C-alpha atoms as a PDB file:
ATOM      1  CA  MET A   1      -0.057  -0.043  -0.149  1.00  0.00           C
ATOM      2  CA  LEU A   2       2.858   2.342   1.012  1.00  0.00           C
ATOM      3  CA  GLU A   3       4.565   1.945  -2.548  1.00  0.00           C
ATOM      4  CA  VAL A   4       1.350   2.324  -4.382  1.00  0.00           C
ATOM      5  CA  VAL A   5       0.800   5.643  -2.503  1.00  0.00           C
ATOM      6  CA  CYS A   6       4.155   6.587  -3.333  1.00  0.00           C
ATOM      7  CA  GLN A   7       3.795   5.873  -6.986  1.00  0.00           C
ATOM      8  CA  ALA A   8       0.707   7.415  -7.524  1.00  0.00           C
ATOM      9  CA  ALA A   9       2.545  10.740  -5.953  1.00  0.00           C
ATOM     10  CA  ARG A  10       5.340  10.555  -8.604  1.00  0.00           C
ATOM     11  CA  GLN A  11       2.700  10.316 -11.089  1.00  0.00           C
ATOM     12  CA  ARG A  12       0.942  13.193  -9.646  1.00  0.00           C
ATOM     13  CA  LYS A  13       3.536  15.268  -8.332  1.00  0.00           C
ATOM     14  CA  LEU A  14       2.144  15.208  -4.942  1.00  0.00           C
ATOM     15  CA  VAL A  15       3.746  14.625  -1.599  1.00  0.00           C
ATOM     16  CA  PRO A  16       3.327  11.130  -0.360  1.00  0.00           C
ATOM     17  CA  VAL A  17       1.928  10.524   3.285  1.00  0.00           C
ATOM     18  CA  ALA A  18       1.084   7.992   5.627  1.00  0.00           C
ATOM     19  CA  LEU A  19      -1.527   8.574   8.244  1.00  0.00           C
ATOM     20  CA  THR A  20      -1.467   6.287  11.227  1.00  0.00           C
ATOM     21  CA  PHE A  21      -2.615   6.755  14.670  1.00  0.00           C
ATOM     22  CA  ALA A  22      -1.501   6.133  18.483  1.00  0.00           C
ATOM     23  CA  PRO A  23      -2.941   4.486  20.095  1.00  0.00           C
ATOM     24  CA  ALA A  24      -4.298   2.192  17.706  1.00  0.00           C
ATOM     25  CA  PRO A  25      -7.854   2.356  17.495  1.00  0.00           C
ATOM     26  CA  GLY A  26      -8.347  -1.414  18.940  1.00  0.00           C
ATOM     27  CA  GLU A  27      -6.077  -1.095  21.720  1.00  0.00           C
ATOM     28  CA  PHE A  28      -8.186   2.418  22.568  1.00  0.00           C
ATOM     29  CA  PHE A  29     -11.374   0.943  22.816  1.00  0.00           C
ATOM     30  CA  ALA A  30     -10.214  -2.137  24.301  1.00  0.00           C
ATOM     31  CA  ARG A  31      -8.680  -0.441  27.576  1.00  0.00           C
ATOM     32  CA  ASN A  32     -11.533   1.910  27.606  1.00  0.00           C
ATOM     33  CA  ALA A  33     -13.636  -0.989  27.793  1.00  0.00           C
ATOM     34  CA  GLY A  34     -11.523  -2.869  30.654  1.00  0.00           C
ATOM     35  CA  LYS A  35     -10.393  -5.609  28.122  1.00  0.00           C
ATOM     36  CA  THR A  36      -7.134  -6.641  26.620  1.00  0.00           C
ATOM     37  CA  PRO A  37      -5.859  -4.987  23.843  1.00  0.00           C
ATOM     38  CA  PRO A  38      -4.324  -6.771  20.472  1.00  0.00           C
ATOM     39  CA  ALA A  39      -0.987  -7.405  21.255  1.00  0.00           C
ATOM     40  CA  ARG A  40       1.015  -4.521  19.908  1.00  0.00           C
ATOM     41  CA  LEU A  41       3.326  -6.361  16.840  1.00  0.00           C
ATOM     42  CA  GLN A  42       6.093  -3.632  17.597  1.00  0.00           C
ATOM     43  CA  ARG A  43       7.010  -0.426  19.035  1.00  0.00           C
ATOM     44  CA  LEU A  44       5.402   2.737  17.605  1.00  0.00           C
ATOM     45  CA  ARG A  45       9.542   3.968  16.863  1.00  0.00           C
ATOM     46  CA  ASP A  46       9.908   0.524  14.516  1.00  0.00           C
ATOM     47  CA  LYS A  47       6.475   1.144  12.876  1.00  0.00           C
ATOM     48  CA  LEU A  48       7.265   4.496  11.550  1.00  0.00           C
ATOM     49  CA  ALA A  49      10.950   3.370  10.410  1.00  0.00           C
ATOM     50  CA  CYS A  50       9.164   0.669   8.407  1.00  0.00           C
ATOM     51  CA  ILE A  51       6.920   3.298   6.873  1.00  0.00           C
ATOM     52  CA  TRP A  52      10.153   6.128   6.081  1.00  0.00           C
ATOM     53  CA  THR A  53      11.818   2.821   4.282  1.00  0.00           C
ATOM     54  CA  VAL A  54       9.605   2.567   1.453  1.00  0.00           C
ATOM     55  CA  GLY A  55       9.865   6.393   0.614  1.00  0.00           C
ATOM     56  CA  VAL A  56       6.999   8.602   2.141  1.00  0.00           C
ATOM     57  CA  HIS A  57       7.624  11.950   2.732  1.00  0.00           C
ATOM     58  CA  HIS A  58       5.779  12.759   5.626  1.00  0.00           C
ATOM     59  CA  ILE A  59       3.927  10.772   8.499  1.00  0.00           C
ATOM     60  CA  GLN A  60       0.943  12.198  10.222  1.00  0.00           C
ATOM     61  CA  LEU A  61       0.745  10.232  13.651  1.00  0.00           C
ATOM     62  CA  ALA A  62      -2.682  11.351  14.903  1.00  0.00           C
ATOM     63  CA  ARG A  63      -3.783  10.480  18.660  1.00  0.00           C
ATOM     64  CA  PHE A  64      -6.576   8.640  18.752  1.00  0.00           C
ATOM     65  CA  ASN A  65      -8.837   9.679  21.527  1.00  0.00           C
ATOM     66  CA  ALA A  66     -12.215  10.044  22.821  1.00  0.00           C
ATOM     67  CA  MET A  67     -12.990  12.971  20.547  1.00  0.00           C
ATOM     68  CA  MET A  68     -11.826  11.430  17.455  1.00  0.00           C
ATOM     69  CA  ALA A  69     -13.469   8.375  18.111  1.00  0.00           C
ATOM     70  CA  ALA A  70     -16.699  10.812  18.227  1.00  0.00           C
ATOM     71  CA  MET A  71     -16.200  12.283  14.684  1.00  0.00           C
ATOM     72  CA  SER A  72     -19.034  10.960  12.060  1.00  0.00           C
ATOM     73  CA  PRO A  73     -17.406   9.416   9.097  1.00  0.00           C
ATOM     74  CA  ASP A  74     -18.000  12.853   7.160  1.00  0.00           C
ATOM     75  CA  GLU A  75     -16.631  15.128  10.019  1.00  0.00           C
ATOM     76  CA  PHE A  76     -13.617  12.725   9.897  1.00  0.00           C
ATOM     77  CA  CYS A  77     -12.692  13.217   6.343  1.00  0.00           C
ATOM     78  CA  ASP A  78     -13.411  16.856   6.501  1.00  0.00           C
ATOM     79  CA  LYS A  79     -11.042  17.651   9.509  1.00  0.00           C
ATOM     80  CA  VAL A  80      -8.345  14.924   8.779  1.00  0.00           C
ATOM     81  CA  LEU A  81      -8.232  14.121   4.969  1.00  0.00           C
ATOM     82  CA  LYS A  82      -9.277  17.794   3.729  1.00  0.00           C
ATOM     83  CA  THR A  83      -8.165  20.236   6.376  1.00  0.00           C
ATOM     84  CA  GLY A  84      -5.697  18.710   8.038  1.00  0.00           C
ATOM     85  CA  LEU A  85      -3.743  17.053   5.188  1.00  0.00           C
ATOM     86  CA  ASN A  86      -5.449  18.667   1.777  1.00  0.00           C
ATOM     87  CA  ALA A  87      -5.622  15.167   0.297  1.00  0.00           C
ATOM     88  CA  LYS A  88      -5.670  14.903  -3.145  1.00  0.00           C
ATOM     89  CA  TRP A  89      -5.395  11.033  -3.443  1.00  0.00           C
ATOM     90  CA  VAL A  90      -6.399   8.470  -0.622  1.00  0.00           C
ATOM     91  CA  ILE A  91      -5.785   5.259  -0.296  1.00  0.00           C
ATOM     92  CA  VAL A  92      -7.246   2.425   1.988  1.00  0.00           C
ATOM     93  CA  GLY A  93      -7.558  -1.153   2.205  1.00  0.00           C
ATOM     94  CA  ASP A  94     -11.015  -2.954   1.001  1.00  0.00           C
ATOM     95  CA  ASP A  95     -12.294  -3.432   4.860  1.00  0.00           C
ATOM     96  CA  PHE A  96     -11.494  -0.056   6.047  1.00  0.00           C
ATOM     97  CA  ARG A  97     -13.934   1.163   8.611  1.00  0.00           C
ATOM     98  CA  TYR A  98     -13.747   4.908  10.433  1.00  0.00           C
ATOM     99  CA  GLY A  99     -15.994   7.087  12.057  1.00  0.00           C
ATOM    100  CA  LYS A 100     -18.156   6.876  15.440  1.00  0.00           C
ATOM    101  CA  GLY A 101     -19.460   2.918  15.561  1.00  0.00           C
ATOM    102  CA  ARG A 102     -17.017   2.314  12.390  1.00  0.00           C
ATOM    103  CA  ALA A 103     -20.317   3.991  10.654  1.00  0.00           C
ATOM    104  CA  GLY A 104     -17.827   4.636   7.333  1.00  0.00           C
ATOM    105  CA  ASP A 105     -16.423   2.219   4.808  1.00  0.00           C
ATOM    106  CA  VAL A 106     -14.920   2.177   1.206  1.00  0.00           C
ATOM    107  CA  LYS A 107     -18.247   3.451  -0.105  1.00  0.00           C
ATOM    108  CA  THR A 108     -18.790   6.585   2.036  1.00  0.00           C
ATOM    109  CA  LEU A 109     -15.312   7.049   1.758  1.00  0.00           C
ATOM    110  CA  HIS A 110     -15.661   6.987  -1.886  1.00  0.00           C
ATOM    111  CA  ALA A 111     -18.412   9.034  -1.990  1.00  0.00           C
ATOM    112  CA  TRP A 112     -17.194  11.884   0.392  1.00  0.00           C
ATOM    113  CA  CYS A 113     -13.999  11.780  -2.497  1.00  0.00           C
ATOM    114  CA  ALA A 114     -16.059  12.388  -5.357  1.00  0.00           C
ATOM    115  CA  ALA A 115     -18.234  15.036  -3.846  1.00  0.00           C
ATOM    116  CA  ASN A 116     -14.692  16.916  -2.491  1.00  0.00           C
ATOM    117  CA  ASP A 117     -12.660  16.260  -5.972  1.00  0.00           C
ATOM    118  CA  VAL A 118     -10.332  13.363  -4.481  1.00  0.00           C
ATOM    119  CA  GLU A 119      -9.345  10.566  -6.004  1.00  0.00           C
ATOM    120  CA  CYS A 120     -10.098   7.507  -3.961  1.00  0.00           C
ATOM    121  CA  TYR A 121      -8.298   3.826  -4.641  1.00  0.00           C
ATOM    122  CA  ILE A 122      -9.426   0.514  -3.026  1.00  0.00           C
ATOM    123  CA  MET A 123      -6.564  -1.599  -2.417  1.00  0.00           C
ATOM    124  CA  PRO A 124      -7.856  -5.288  -2.825  1.00  0.00           C
ATOM    125  CA  ALA A 125      -6.955  -7.624  -0.027  1.00  0.00           C
ATOM    126  CA  ILE A 126      -3.558  -9.471  -0.231  1.00  0.00           C
ATOM    127  CA  LYS A 127      -4.180 -13.018  -0.165  1.00  0.00           C
ATOM    128  CA  ALA A 128      -2.219 -16.197  -0.813  1.00  0.00           C
ATOM    129  CA  MET A 129      -4.131 -19.529  -1.164  1.00  0.00           C
ATOM    130  CA  ASP A 130      -7.598 -17.810  -0.349  1.00  0.00           C
ATOM    131  CA  VAL A 131      -5.982 -16.752   2.848  1.00  0.00           C
ATOM    132  CA  ARG A 132      -6.374 -13.460   3.999  1.00  0.00           C
ATOM    133  CA  PHE A 133      -2.975 -11.803   4.885  1.00  0.00           C
ATOM    134  CA  SER A 134      -4.009  -9.360   8.131  1.00  0.00           C
ATOM    135  CA  SER A 135      -2.097  -8.310  11.327  1.00  0.00           C
ATOM    136  CA  THR A 136      -4.917 -10.678  12.975  1.00  0.00           C
ATOM    137  CA  LEU A 137      -3.350 -13.254  11.206  1.00  0.00           C
ATOM    138  CA  VAL A 138       0.523 -12.314  12.388  1.00  0.00           C
ATOM    139  CA  ARG A 139      -0.759 -12.124  15.612  1.00  0.00           C
ATOM    140  CA  ASP A 140      -2.225 -15.532  15.417  1.00  0.00           C
ATOM    141  CA  ALA A 141       0.630 -17.218  14.104  1.00  0.00           C
ATOM    142  CA  LEU A 142       3.332 -15.844  16.618  1.00  0.00           C
ATOM    143  CA  ARG A 143       0.820 -16.713  19.456  1.00  0.00           C
ATOM    144  CA  ALA A 144       1.051 -20.454  18.383  1.00  0.00           C
ATOM    145  CA  GLY A 145       4.860 -20.236  18.190  1.00  0.00           C
ATOM    146  CA  ASP A 146       4.855 -20.348  14.113  1.00  0.00           C
ATOM    147  CA  THR A 147       7.449 -17.959  13.365  1.00  0.00           C
ATOM    148  CA  VAL A 148       7.486 -19.466   9.597  1.00  0.00           C
ATOM    149  CA  THR A 149       4.080 -18.311   8.340  1.00  0.00           C
ATOM    150  CA  ALA A 150       4.310 -15.082  10.488  1.00  0.00           C
ATOM    151  CA  ALA A 151       7.807 -14.411   8.273  1.00  0.00           C
ATOM    152  CA  ALA A 152       5.719 -15.404   5.049  1.00  0.00           C
ATOM    153  CA  ILE A 153       2.888 -13.039   5.745  1.00  0.00           C
ATOM    154  CA  LEU A 154       5.377 -10.162   6.915  1.00  0.00           C
ATOM    155  CA  GLY A 155       7.601 -10.941   4.021  1.00  0.00           C
ATOM    156  CA  ARG A 156      10.618 -10.846   6.337  1.00  0.00           C
ATOM    157  CA  PRO A 157      11.119 -12.725   9.707  1.00  0.00           C
ATOM    158  CA  TYR A 158       9.645 -11.363  13.189  1.00  0.00           C
ATOM    159  CA  ARG A 159      11.802  -8.774  14.642  1.00  0.00           C
ATOM    160  CA  ILE A 160      11.827  -6.921  17.968  1.00  0.00           C
ATOM    161  CA  SER A 161      14.302  -4.047  18.702  1.00  0.00           C
ATOM    162  CA  GLY A 162      14.820  -2.269  21.696  1.00  0.00           C
ATOM    163  CA  LYS A 163      17.647  -0.930  23.893  1.00  0.00           C
ATOM    164  CA  VAL A 164      19.438  -3.336  26.554  1.00  0.00           C
ATOM    165  CA  ALA A 165      18.818  -2.465  29.883  1.00  0.00           C
ATOM    166  CA  HIS A 166      20.365  -3.802  33.159  1.00  0.00           C
ATOM    167  CA  GLY A 167      18.792  -6.615  34.201  1.00  0.00           C
ATOM    168  CA  ASP A 168      18.810  -8.993  37.720  1.00  0.00           C
ATOM    169  CA  LYS A 169      22.502 -10.798  36.591  1.00  0.00           C
ATOM    170  CA  LEU A 170      20.562 -13.781  37.419  1.00  0.00           C
ATOM    171  CA  GLY A 171      21.759 -15.397  34.144  1.00  0.00           C
ATOM    172  CA  ARG A 172      25.393 -15.062  34.920  1.00  0.00           C
ATOM    173  CA  THR A 173      24.990 -16.761  38.221  1.00  0.00           C
ATOM    174  CA  ILE A 174      23.930 -19.961  36.508  1.00  0.00           C
ATOM    175  CA  GLY A 175      26.352 -19.902  33.292  1.00  0.00           C
ATOM    176  CA  PHE A 176      24.099 -18.085  30.693  1.00  0.00           C
ATOM    177  CA  PRO A 177      24.626 -14.282  30.861  1.00  0.00           C
ATOM    178  CA  THR A 178      21.807 -12.525  28.808  1.00  0.00           C
ATOM    179  CA  ILE A 179      21.075  -9.268  27.567  1.00  0.00           C
ATOM    180  CA  ASN A 180      17.738  -7.757  28.591  1.00  0.00           C
ATOM    181  CA  VAL A 181      15.387  -5.606  26.275  1.00  0.00           C
ATOM    182  CA  PRO A 182      12.327  -4.407  28.366  1.00  0.00           C
ATOM    183  CA  LEU A 183       8.854  -5.348  26.206  1.00  0.00           C
ATOM    184  CA  TRP A 184       5.400  -4.118  26.327  1.00  0.00           C
ATOM    185  CA  THR A 185       2.168  -5.745  27.278  1.00  0.00           C
ATOM    186  CA  PRO A 186       0.307  -8.051  26.057  1.00  0.00           C
ATOM    187  CA  LEU A 187       3.096  -9.810  24.165  1.00  0.00           C
ATOM    188  CA  PRO A 188       2.610 -10.713  20.657  1.00  0.00           C
ATOM    189  CA  LEU A 189       4.247 -14.122  20.996  1.00  0.00           C
ATOM    190  CA  SER A 190       6.312 -15.955  24.203  1.00  0.00           C
ATOM    191  CA  GLY A 191       8.372 -18.597  24.615  1.00  0.00           C
ATOM    192  CA  ILE A 192      12.277 -20.025  23.757  1.00  0.00           C
ATOM    193  CA  PHE A 193      13.371 -19.136  20.524  1.00  0.00           C
ATOM    194  CA  ALA A 194      16.484 -19.385  18.470  1.00  0.00           C
ATOM    195  CA  VAL A 195      17.193 -16.100  17.428  1.00  0.00           C
ATOM    196  CA  ARG A 196      19.731 -13.740  15.196  1.00  0.00           C
ATOM    197  CA  VAL A 197      20.708 -10.277  16.779  1.00  0.00           C
ATOM    198  CA  TYR A 198      22.031  -7.486  14.636  1.00  0.00           C
ATOM    199  CA  GLY A 199      23.568  -4.136  15.932  1.00  0.00           C
ATOM    200  CA  VAL A 200      25.963  -5.763  17.925  1.00  0.00           C
ATOM    201  CA  ASP A 201      28.885  -4.914  15.467  1.00  0.00           C
ATOM    202  CA  VAL A 202      30.726  -7.924  14.523  1.00  0.00           C
ATOM    203  CA  ASP A 203      32.267  -9.175  11.361  1.00  0.00           C
ATOM    204  CA  GLY A 204      30.704  -5.966   9.282  1.00  0.00           C
ATOM    205  CA  GLY A 205      27.367  -6.201  10.879  1.00  0.00           C
ATOM    206  CA  GLN A 206      26.643  -9.489  10.762  1.00  0.00           C
ATOM    207  CA  PRO A 207      24.286 -10.833  13.194  1.00  0.00           C
ATOM    208  CA  VAL A 208      24.954 -13.116  16.371  1.00  0.00           C
ATOM    209  CA  VAL A 209      22.760 -16.316  16.592  1.00  0.00           C
ATOM    210  CA  GLY A 210      21.556 -17.252  20.426  1.00  0.00           C
ATOM    211  CA  ALA A 211      18.831 -18.675  22.445  1.00  0.00           C
ATOM    212  CA  ALA A 212      16.256 -15.971  23.786  1.00  0.00           C
ATOM    213  CA  ASN A 213      13.384 -16.580  26.419  1.00  0.00           C
ATOM    214  CA  VAL A 214      10.153 -13.596  25.956  1.00  0.00           C
ATOM    215  CA  GLY A 215       7.748 -13.924  28.610  1.00  0.00           C
ATOM    216  CA  VAL A 216       7.561 -12.703  32.137  1.00  0.00           C
ATOM    217  CA  ARG A 217      10.178 -15.354  33.718  1.00  0.00           C
ATOM    218  CA  PRO A 218       7.352 -17.456  36.318  1.00  0.00           C
ATOM    219  CA  THR A 219      10.297 -19.227  37.819  1.00  0.00           C
ATOM    220  CA  VAL A 220      12.290 -16.494  39.267  1.00  0.00           C
ATOM    221  CA  LYS A 221       9.415 -13.525  39.340  1.00  0.00           C
ATOM    222  CA  GLU A 222       5.956 -13.487  40.658  1.00  0.00           C
ATOM    223  CA  ASN A 223       3.977 -10.817  38.568  1.00  0.00           C
ATOM    224  CA  GLY A 224       7.197 -10.278  36.553  1.00  0.00           C
ATOM    225  CA  LYS A 225       7.186  -7.474  33.755  1.00  0.00           C
ATOM    226  CA  PRO A 226       7.274  -8.827  30.101  1.00  0.00           C
ATOM    227  CA  LEU A 227      11.151  -8.942  29.132  1.00  0.00           C
ATOM    228  CA  LEU A 228      12.977 -10.403  25.877  1.00  0.00           C
ATOM    229  CA  GLU A 229      16.598 -12.212  27.448  1.00  0.00           C
ATOM    230  CA  VAL A 230      18.745 -13.160  24.944  1.00  0.00           C
ATOM    231  CA  PHE A 231      21.927 -15.629  25.536  1.00  0.00           C
ATOM    232  CA  LEU A 232      24.172 -14.938  22.711  1.00  0.00           C
ATOM    233  CA  PHE A 233      26.406 -17.859  21.411  1.00  0.00           C
ATOM    234  CA  ASP A 234      30.223 -17.061  20.995  1.00  0.00           C
ATOM    235  CA  PHE A 235      30.205 -13.580  21.678  1.00  0.00           C
ATOM    236  CA  LYS A 236      31.258 -11.025  24.941  1.00  0.00           C
ATOM    237  CA  GLY A 237      31.026  -7.354  25.430  1.00  0.00           C
ATOM    238  CA  ASP A 238      29.200  -4.876  26.970  1.00  0.00           C
ATOM    239  CA  LEU A 239      25.870  -3.952  25.124  1.00  0.00           C
ATOM    240  CA  TYR A 240      24.099  -1.931  27.787  1.00  0.00           C
ATOM    241  CA  GLY A 241      22.632   0.903  26.113  1.00  0.00           C
ATOM    242  CA  LYS A 242      22.783  -0.079  22.334  1.00  0.00           C
ATOM    243  CA  ARG A 243      19.918  -0.543  20.427  1.00  0.00           C
ATOM    244  CA  ILE A 244      19.595  -4.270  18.856  1.00  0.00           C
ATOM    245  CA  VAL A 245      17.096  -6.255  16.944  1.00  0.00           C
ATOM    246  CA  VAL A 246      16.101  -9.455  17.494  1.00  0.00           C
ATOM    247  CA  GLU A 247      14.864 -11.272  14.394  1.00  0.00           C
ATOM    248  CA  PHE A 248      12.994 -14.706  15.640  1.00  0.00           C
ATOM    249  CA  VAL A 249      13.689 -18.076  13.685  1.00  0.00           C
ATOM    250  CA  LYS A 250      11.894 -20.710  14.953  1.00  0.00           C
ATOM    251  CA  ARG A 251      10.357 -21.503  18.636  1.00  0.00           C
ATOM    252  CA  ILE A 252      11.953 -24.079  20.614  1.00  0.00           C
ATOM    253  CA  ARG A 253       9.048 -24.779  23.152  1.00  0.00           C
ATOM    254  CA  ALA A 254       6.526 -22.781  25.415  1.00  0.00           C
ATOM    255  CA  GLU A 255       7.697 -20.939  28.435  1.00  0.00           C
ATOM    256  CA  GLU A 256       7.294 -22.658  31.620  1.00  0.00           C
ATOM    257  CA  LYS A 257       7.480 -22.468  35.516  1.00  0.00           C
ATOM    258  CA  PHE A 258       9.775 -25.468  37.098  1.00  0.00           C
ATOM    259  CA  GLU A 259      10.037 -26.448  40.392  1.00  0.00           C
ATOM    260  CA  SER A 260      13.665 -24.902  40.836  1.00  0.00           C
ATOM    261  CA  LEU A 261      16.170 -22.859  39.409  1.00  0.00           C
ATOM    262  CA  GLU A 262      18.333 -26.130  39.085  1.00  0.00           C
ATOM    263  CA  ILE A 263      15.434 -28.170  37.019  1.00  0.00           C
ATOM    264  CA  MET A 264      15.560 -24.894  35.005  1.00  0.00           C
ATOM    265  CA  THR A 265      18.918 -24.893  34.399  1.00  0.00           C
ATOM    266  CA  GLN A 266      18.892 -28.479  33.529  1.00  0.00           C
ATOM    267  CA  GLN A 267      16.162 -27.456  30.766  1.00  0.00           C
ATOM    268  CA  MET A 268      18.382 -24.134  29.504  1.00  0.00           C
ATOM    269  CA  HIS A 269      21.130 -26.705  28.336  1.00  0.00           C
ATOM    270  CA  HIS A 270      18.711 -28.898  26.244  1.00  0.00           C
ATOM    271  CA  ASP A 271      17.244 -25.158  25.120  1.00  0.00           C
ATOM    272  CA  ILE A 272      20.547 -24.243  24.029  1.00  0.00           C
ATOM    273  CA  ALA A 273      21.615 -27.799  22.109  1.00  0.00           C
ATOM    274  CA  ALA A 274      18.313 -27.194  20.171  1.00  0.00           C
ATOM    275  CA  VAL A 275      18.800 -23.878  19.110  1.00  0.00           C
ATOM    276  CA  ARG A 276      22.488 -24.852  17.940  1.00  0.00           C
ATOM    277  CA  ALA A 277      20.760 -27.510  16.048  1.00  0.00           C
ATOM    278  CA  VAL A 278      18.641 -24.837  14.474  1.00  0.00           C
ATOM    279  CA  PHE A 279      21.446 -23.150  13.653  1.00  0.00           C
ATOM    280  CA  ALA A 280      24.056 -26.251  12.356  1.00  0.00           C
END
């Protein structure tokens, strides 16, 4: 979709702009209703970076709040598309809904655009074997630990980025020092994974492989906060404060609560052997 809008902008000598929301509407409505929101697939920083790489010249980050949620479809188009962005050409997916109560759809948008001299292109769904690609499908795959399907939909392996932070230093006491990246909630995936880590700056930017745990560490913490821990193979160095990108290759197993640290440590040896087998 972003590539299409950039191409249309070049042909019409317009500025390609992407409009996105923070928080996502689904997250806003879920939290307001006291429900668990859909898992965020990436940090806002990474979302914006992905948009920039396609060639968009401007990103309009709109705050989704009660005022915006109360806008009628026409009010949204008048205030955001016309007054806010001075839109001349608009592209949305074929399942696009907007306005209070999701009252607006591609038909109402097309009608508004026609009345306001704005070109409107409805992009058909991307499918494979009659399966519609969507963020929900990616979430379902990641929740099931199916990194292969998630990568096929995304067009690349699933990744999480963040700054390496200080942890409890427990890993080094049991022979598995880790780098730690705080995460958000709810998590899009959890468990033990074979991963590649970028940003470590070895061998000309080549990734370092390792074993990662994504979760809340139930064996060592009560009500622990979500954390990404990575044990890097064949690497020693200080990475605190460094921004890294962790690429998920394959899930080894689900996160578990063990009866003791000794039992957990024994399992970690098996996990690391399984991860090495993946990369072998």
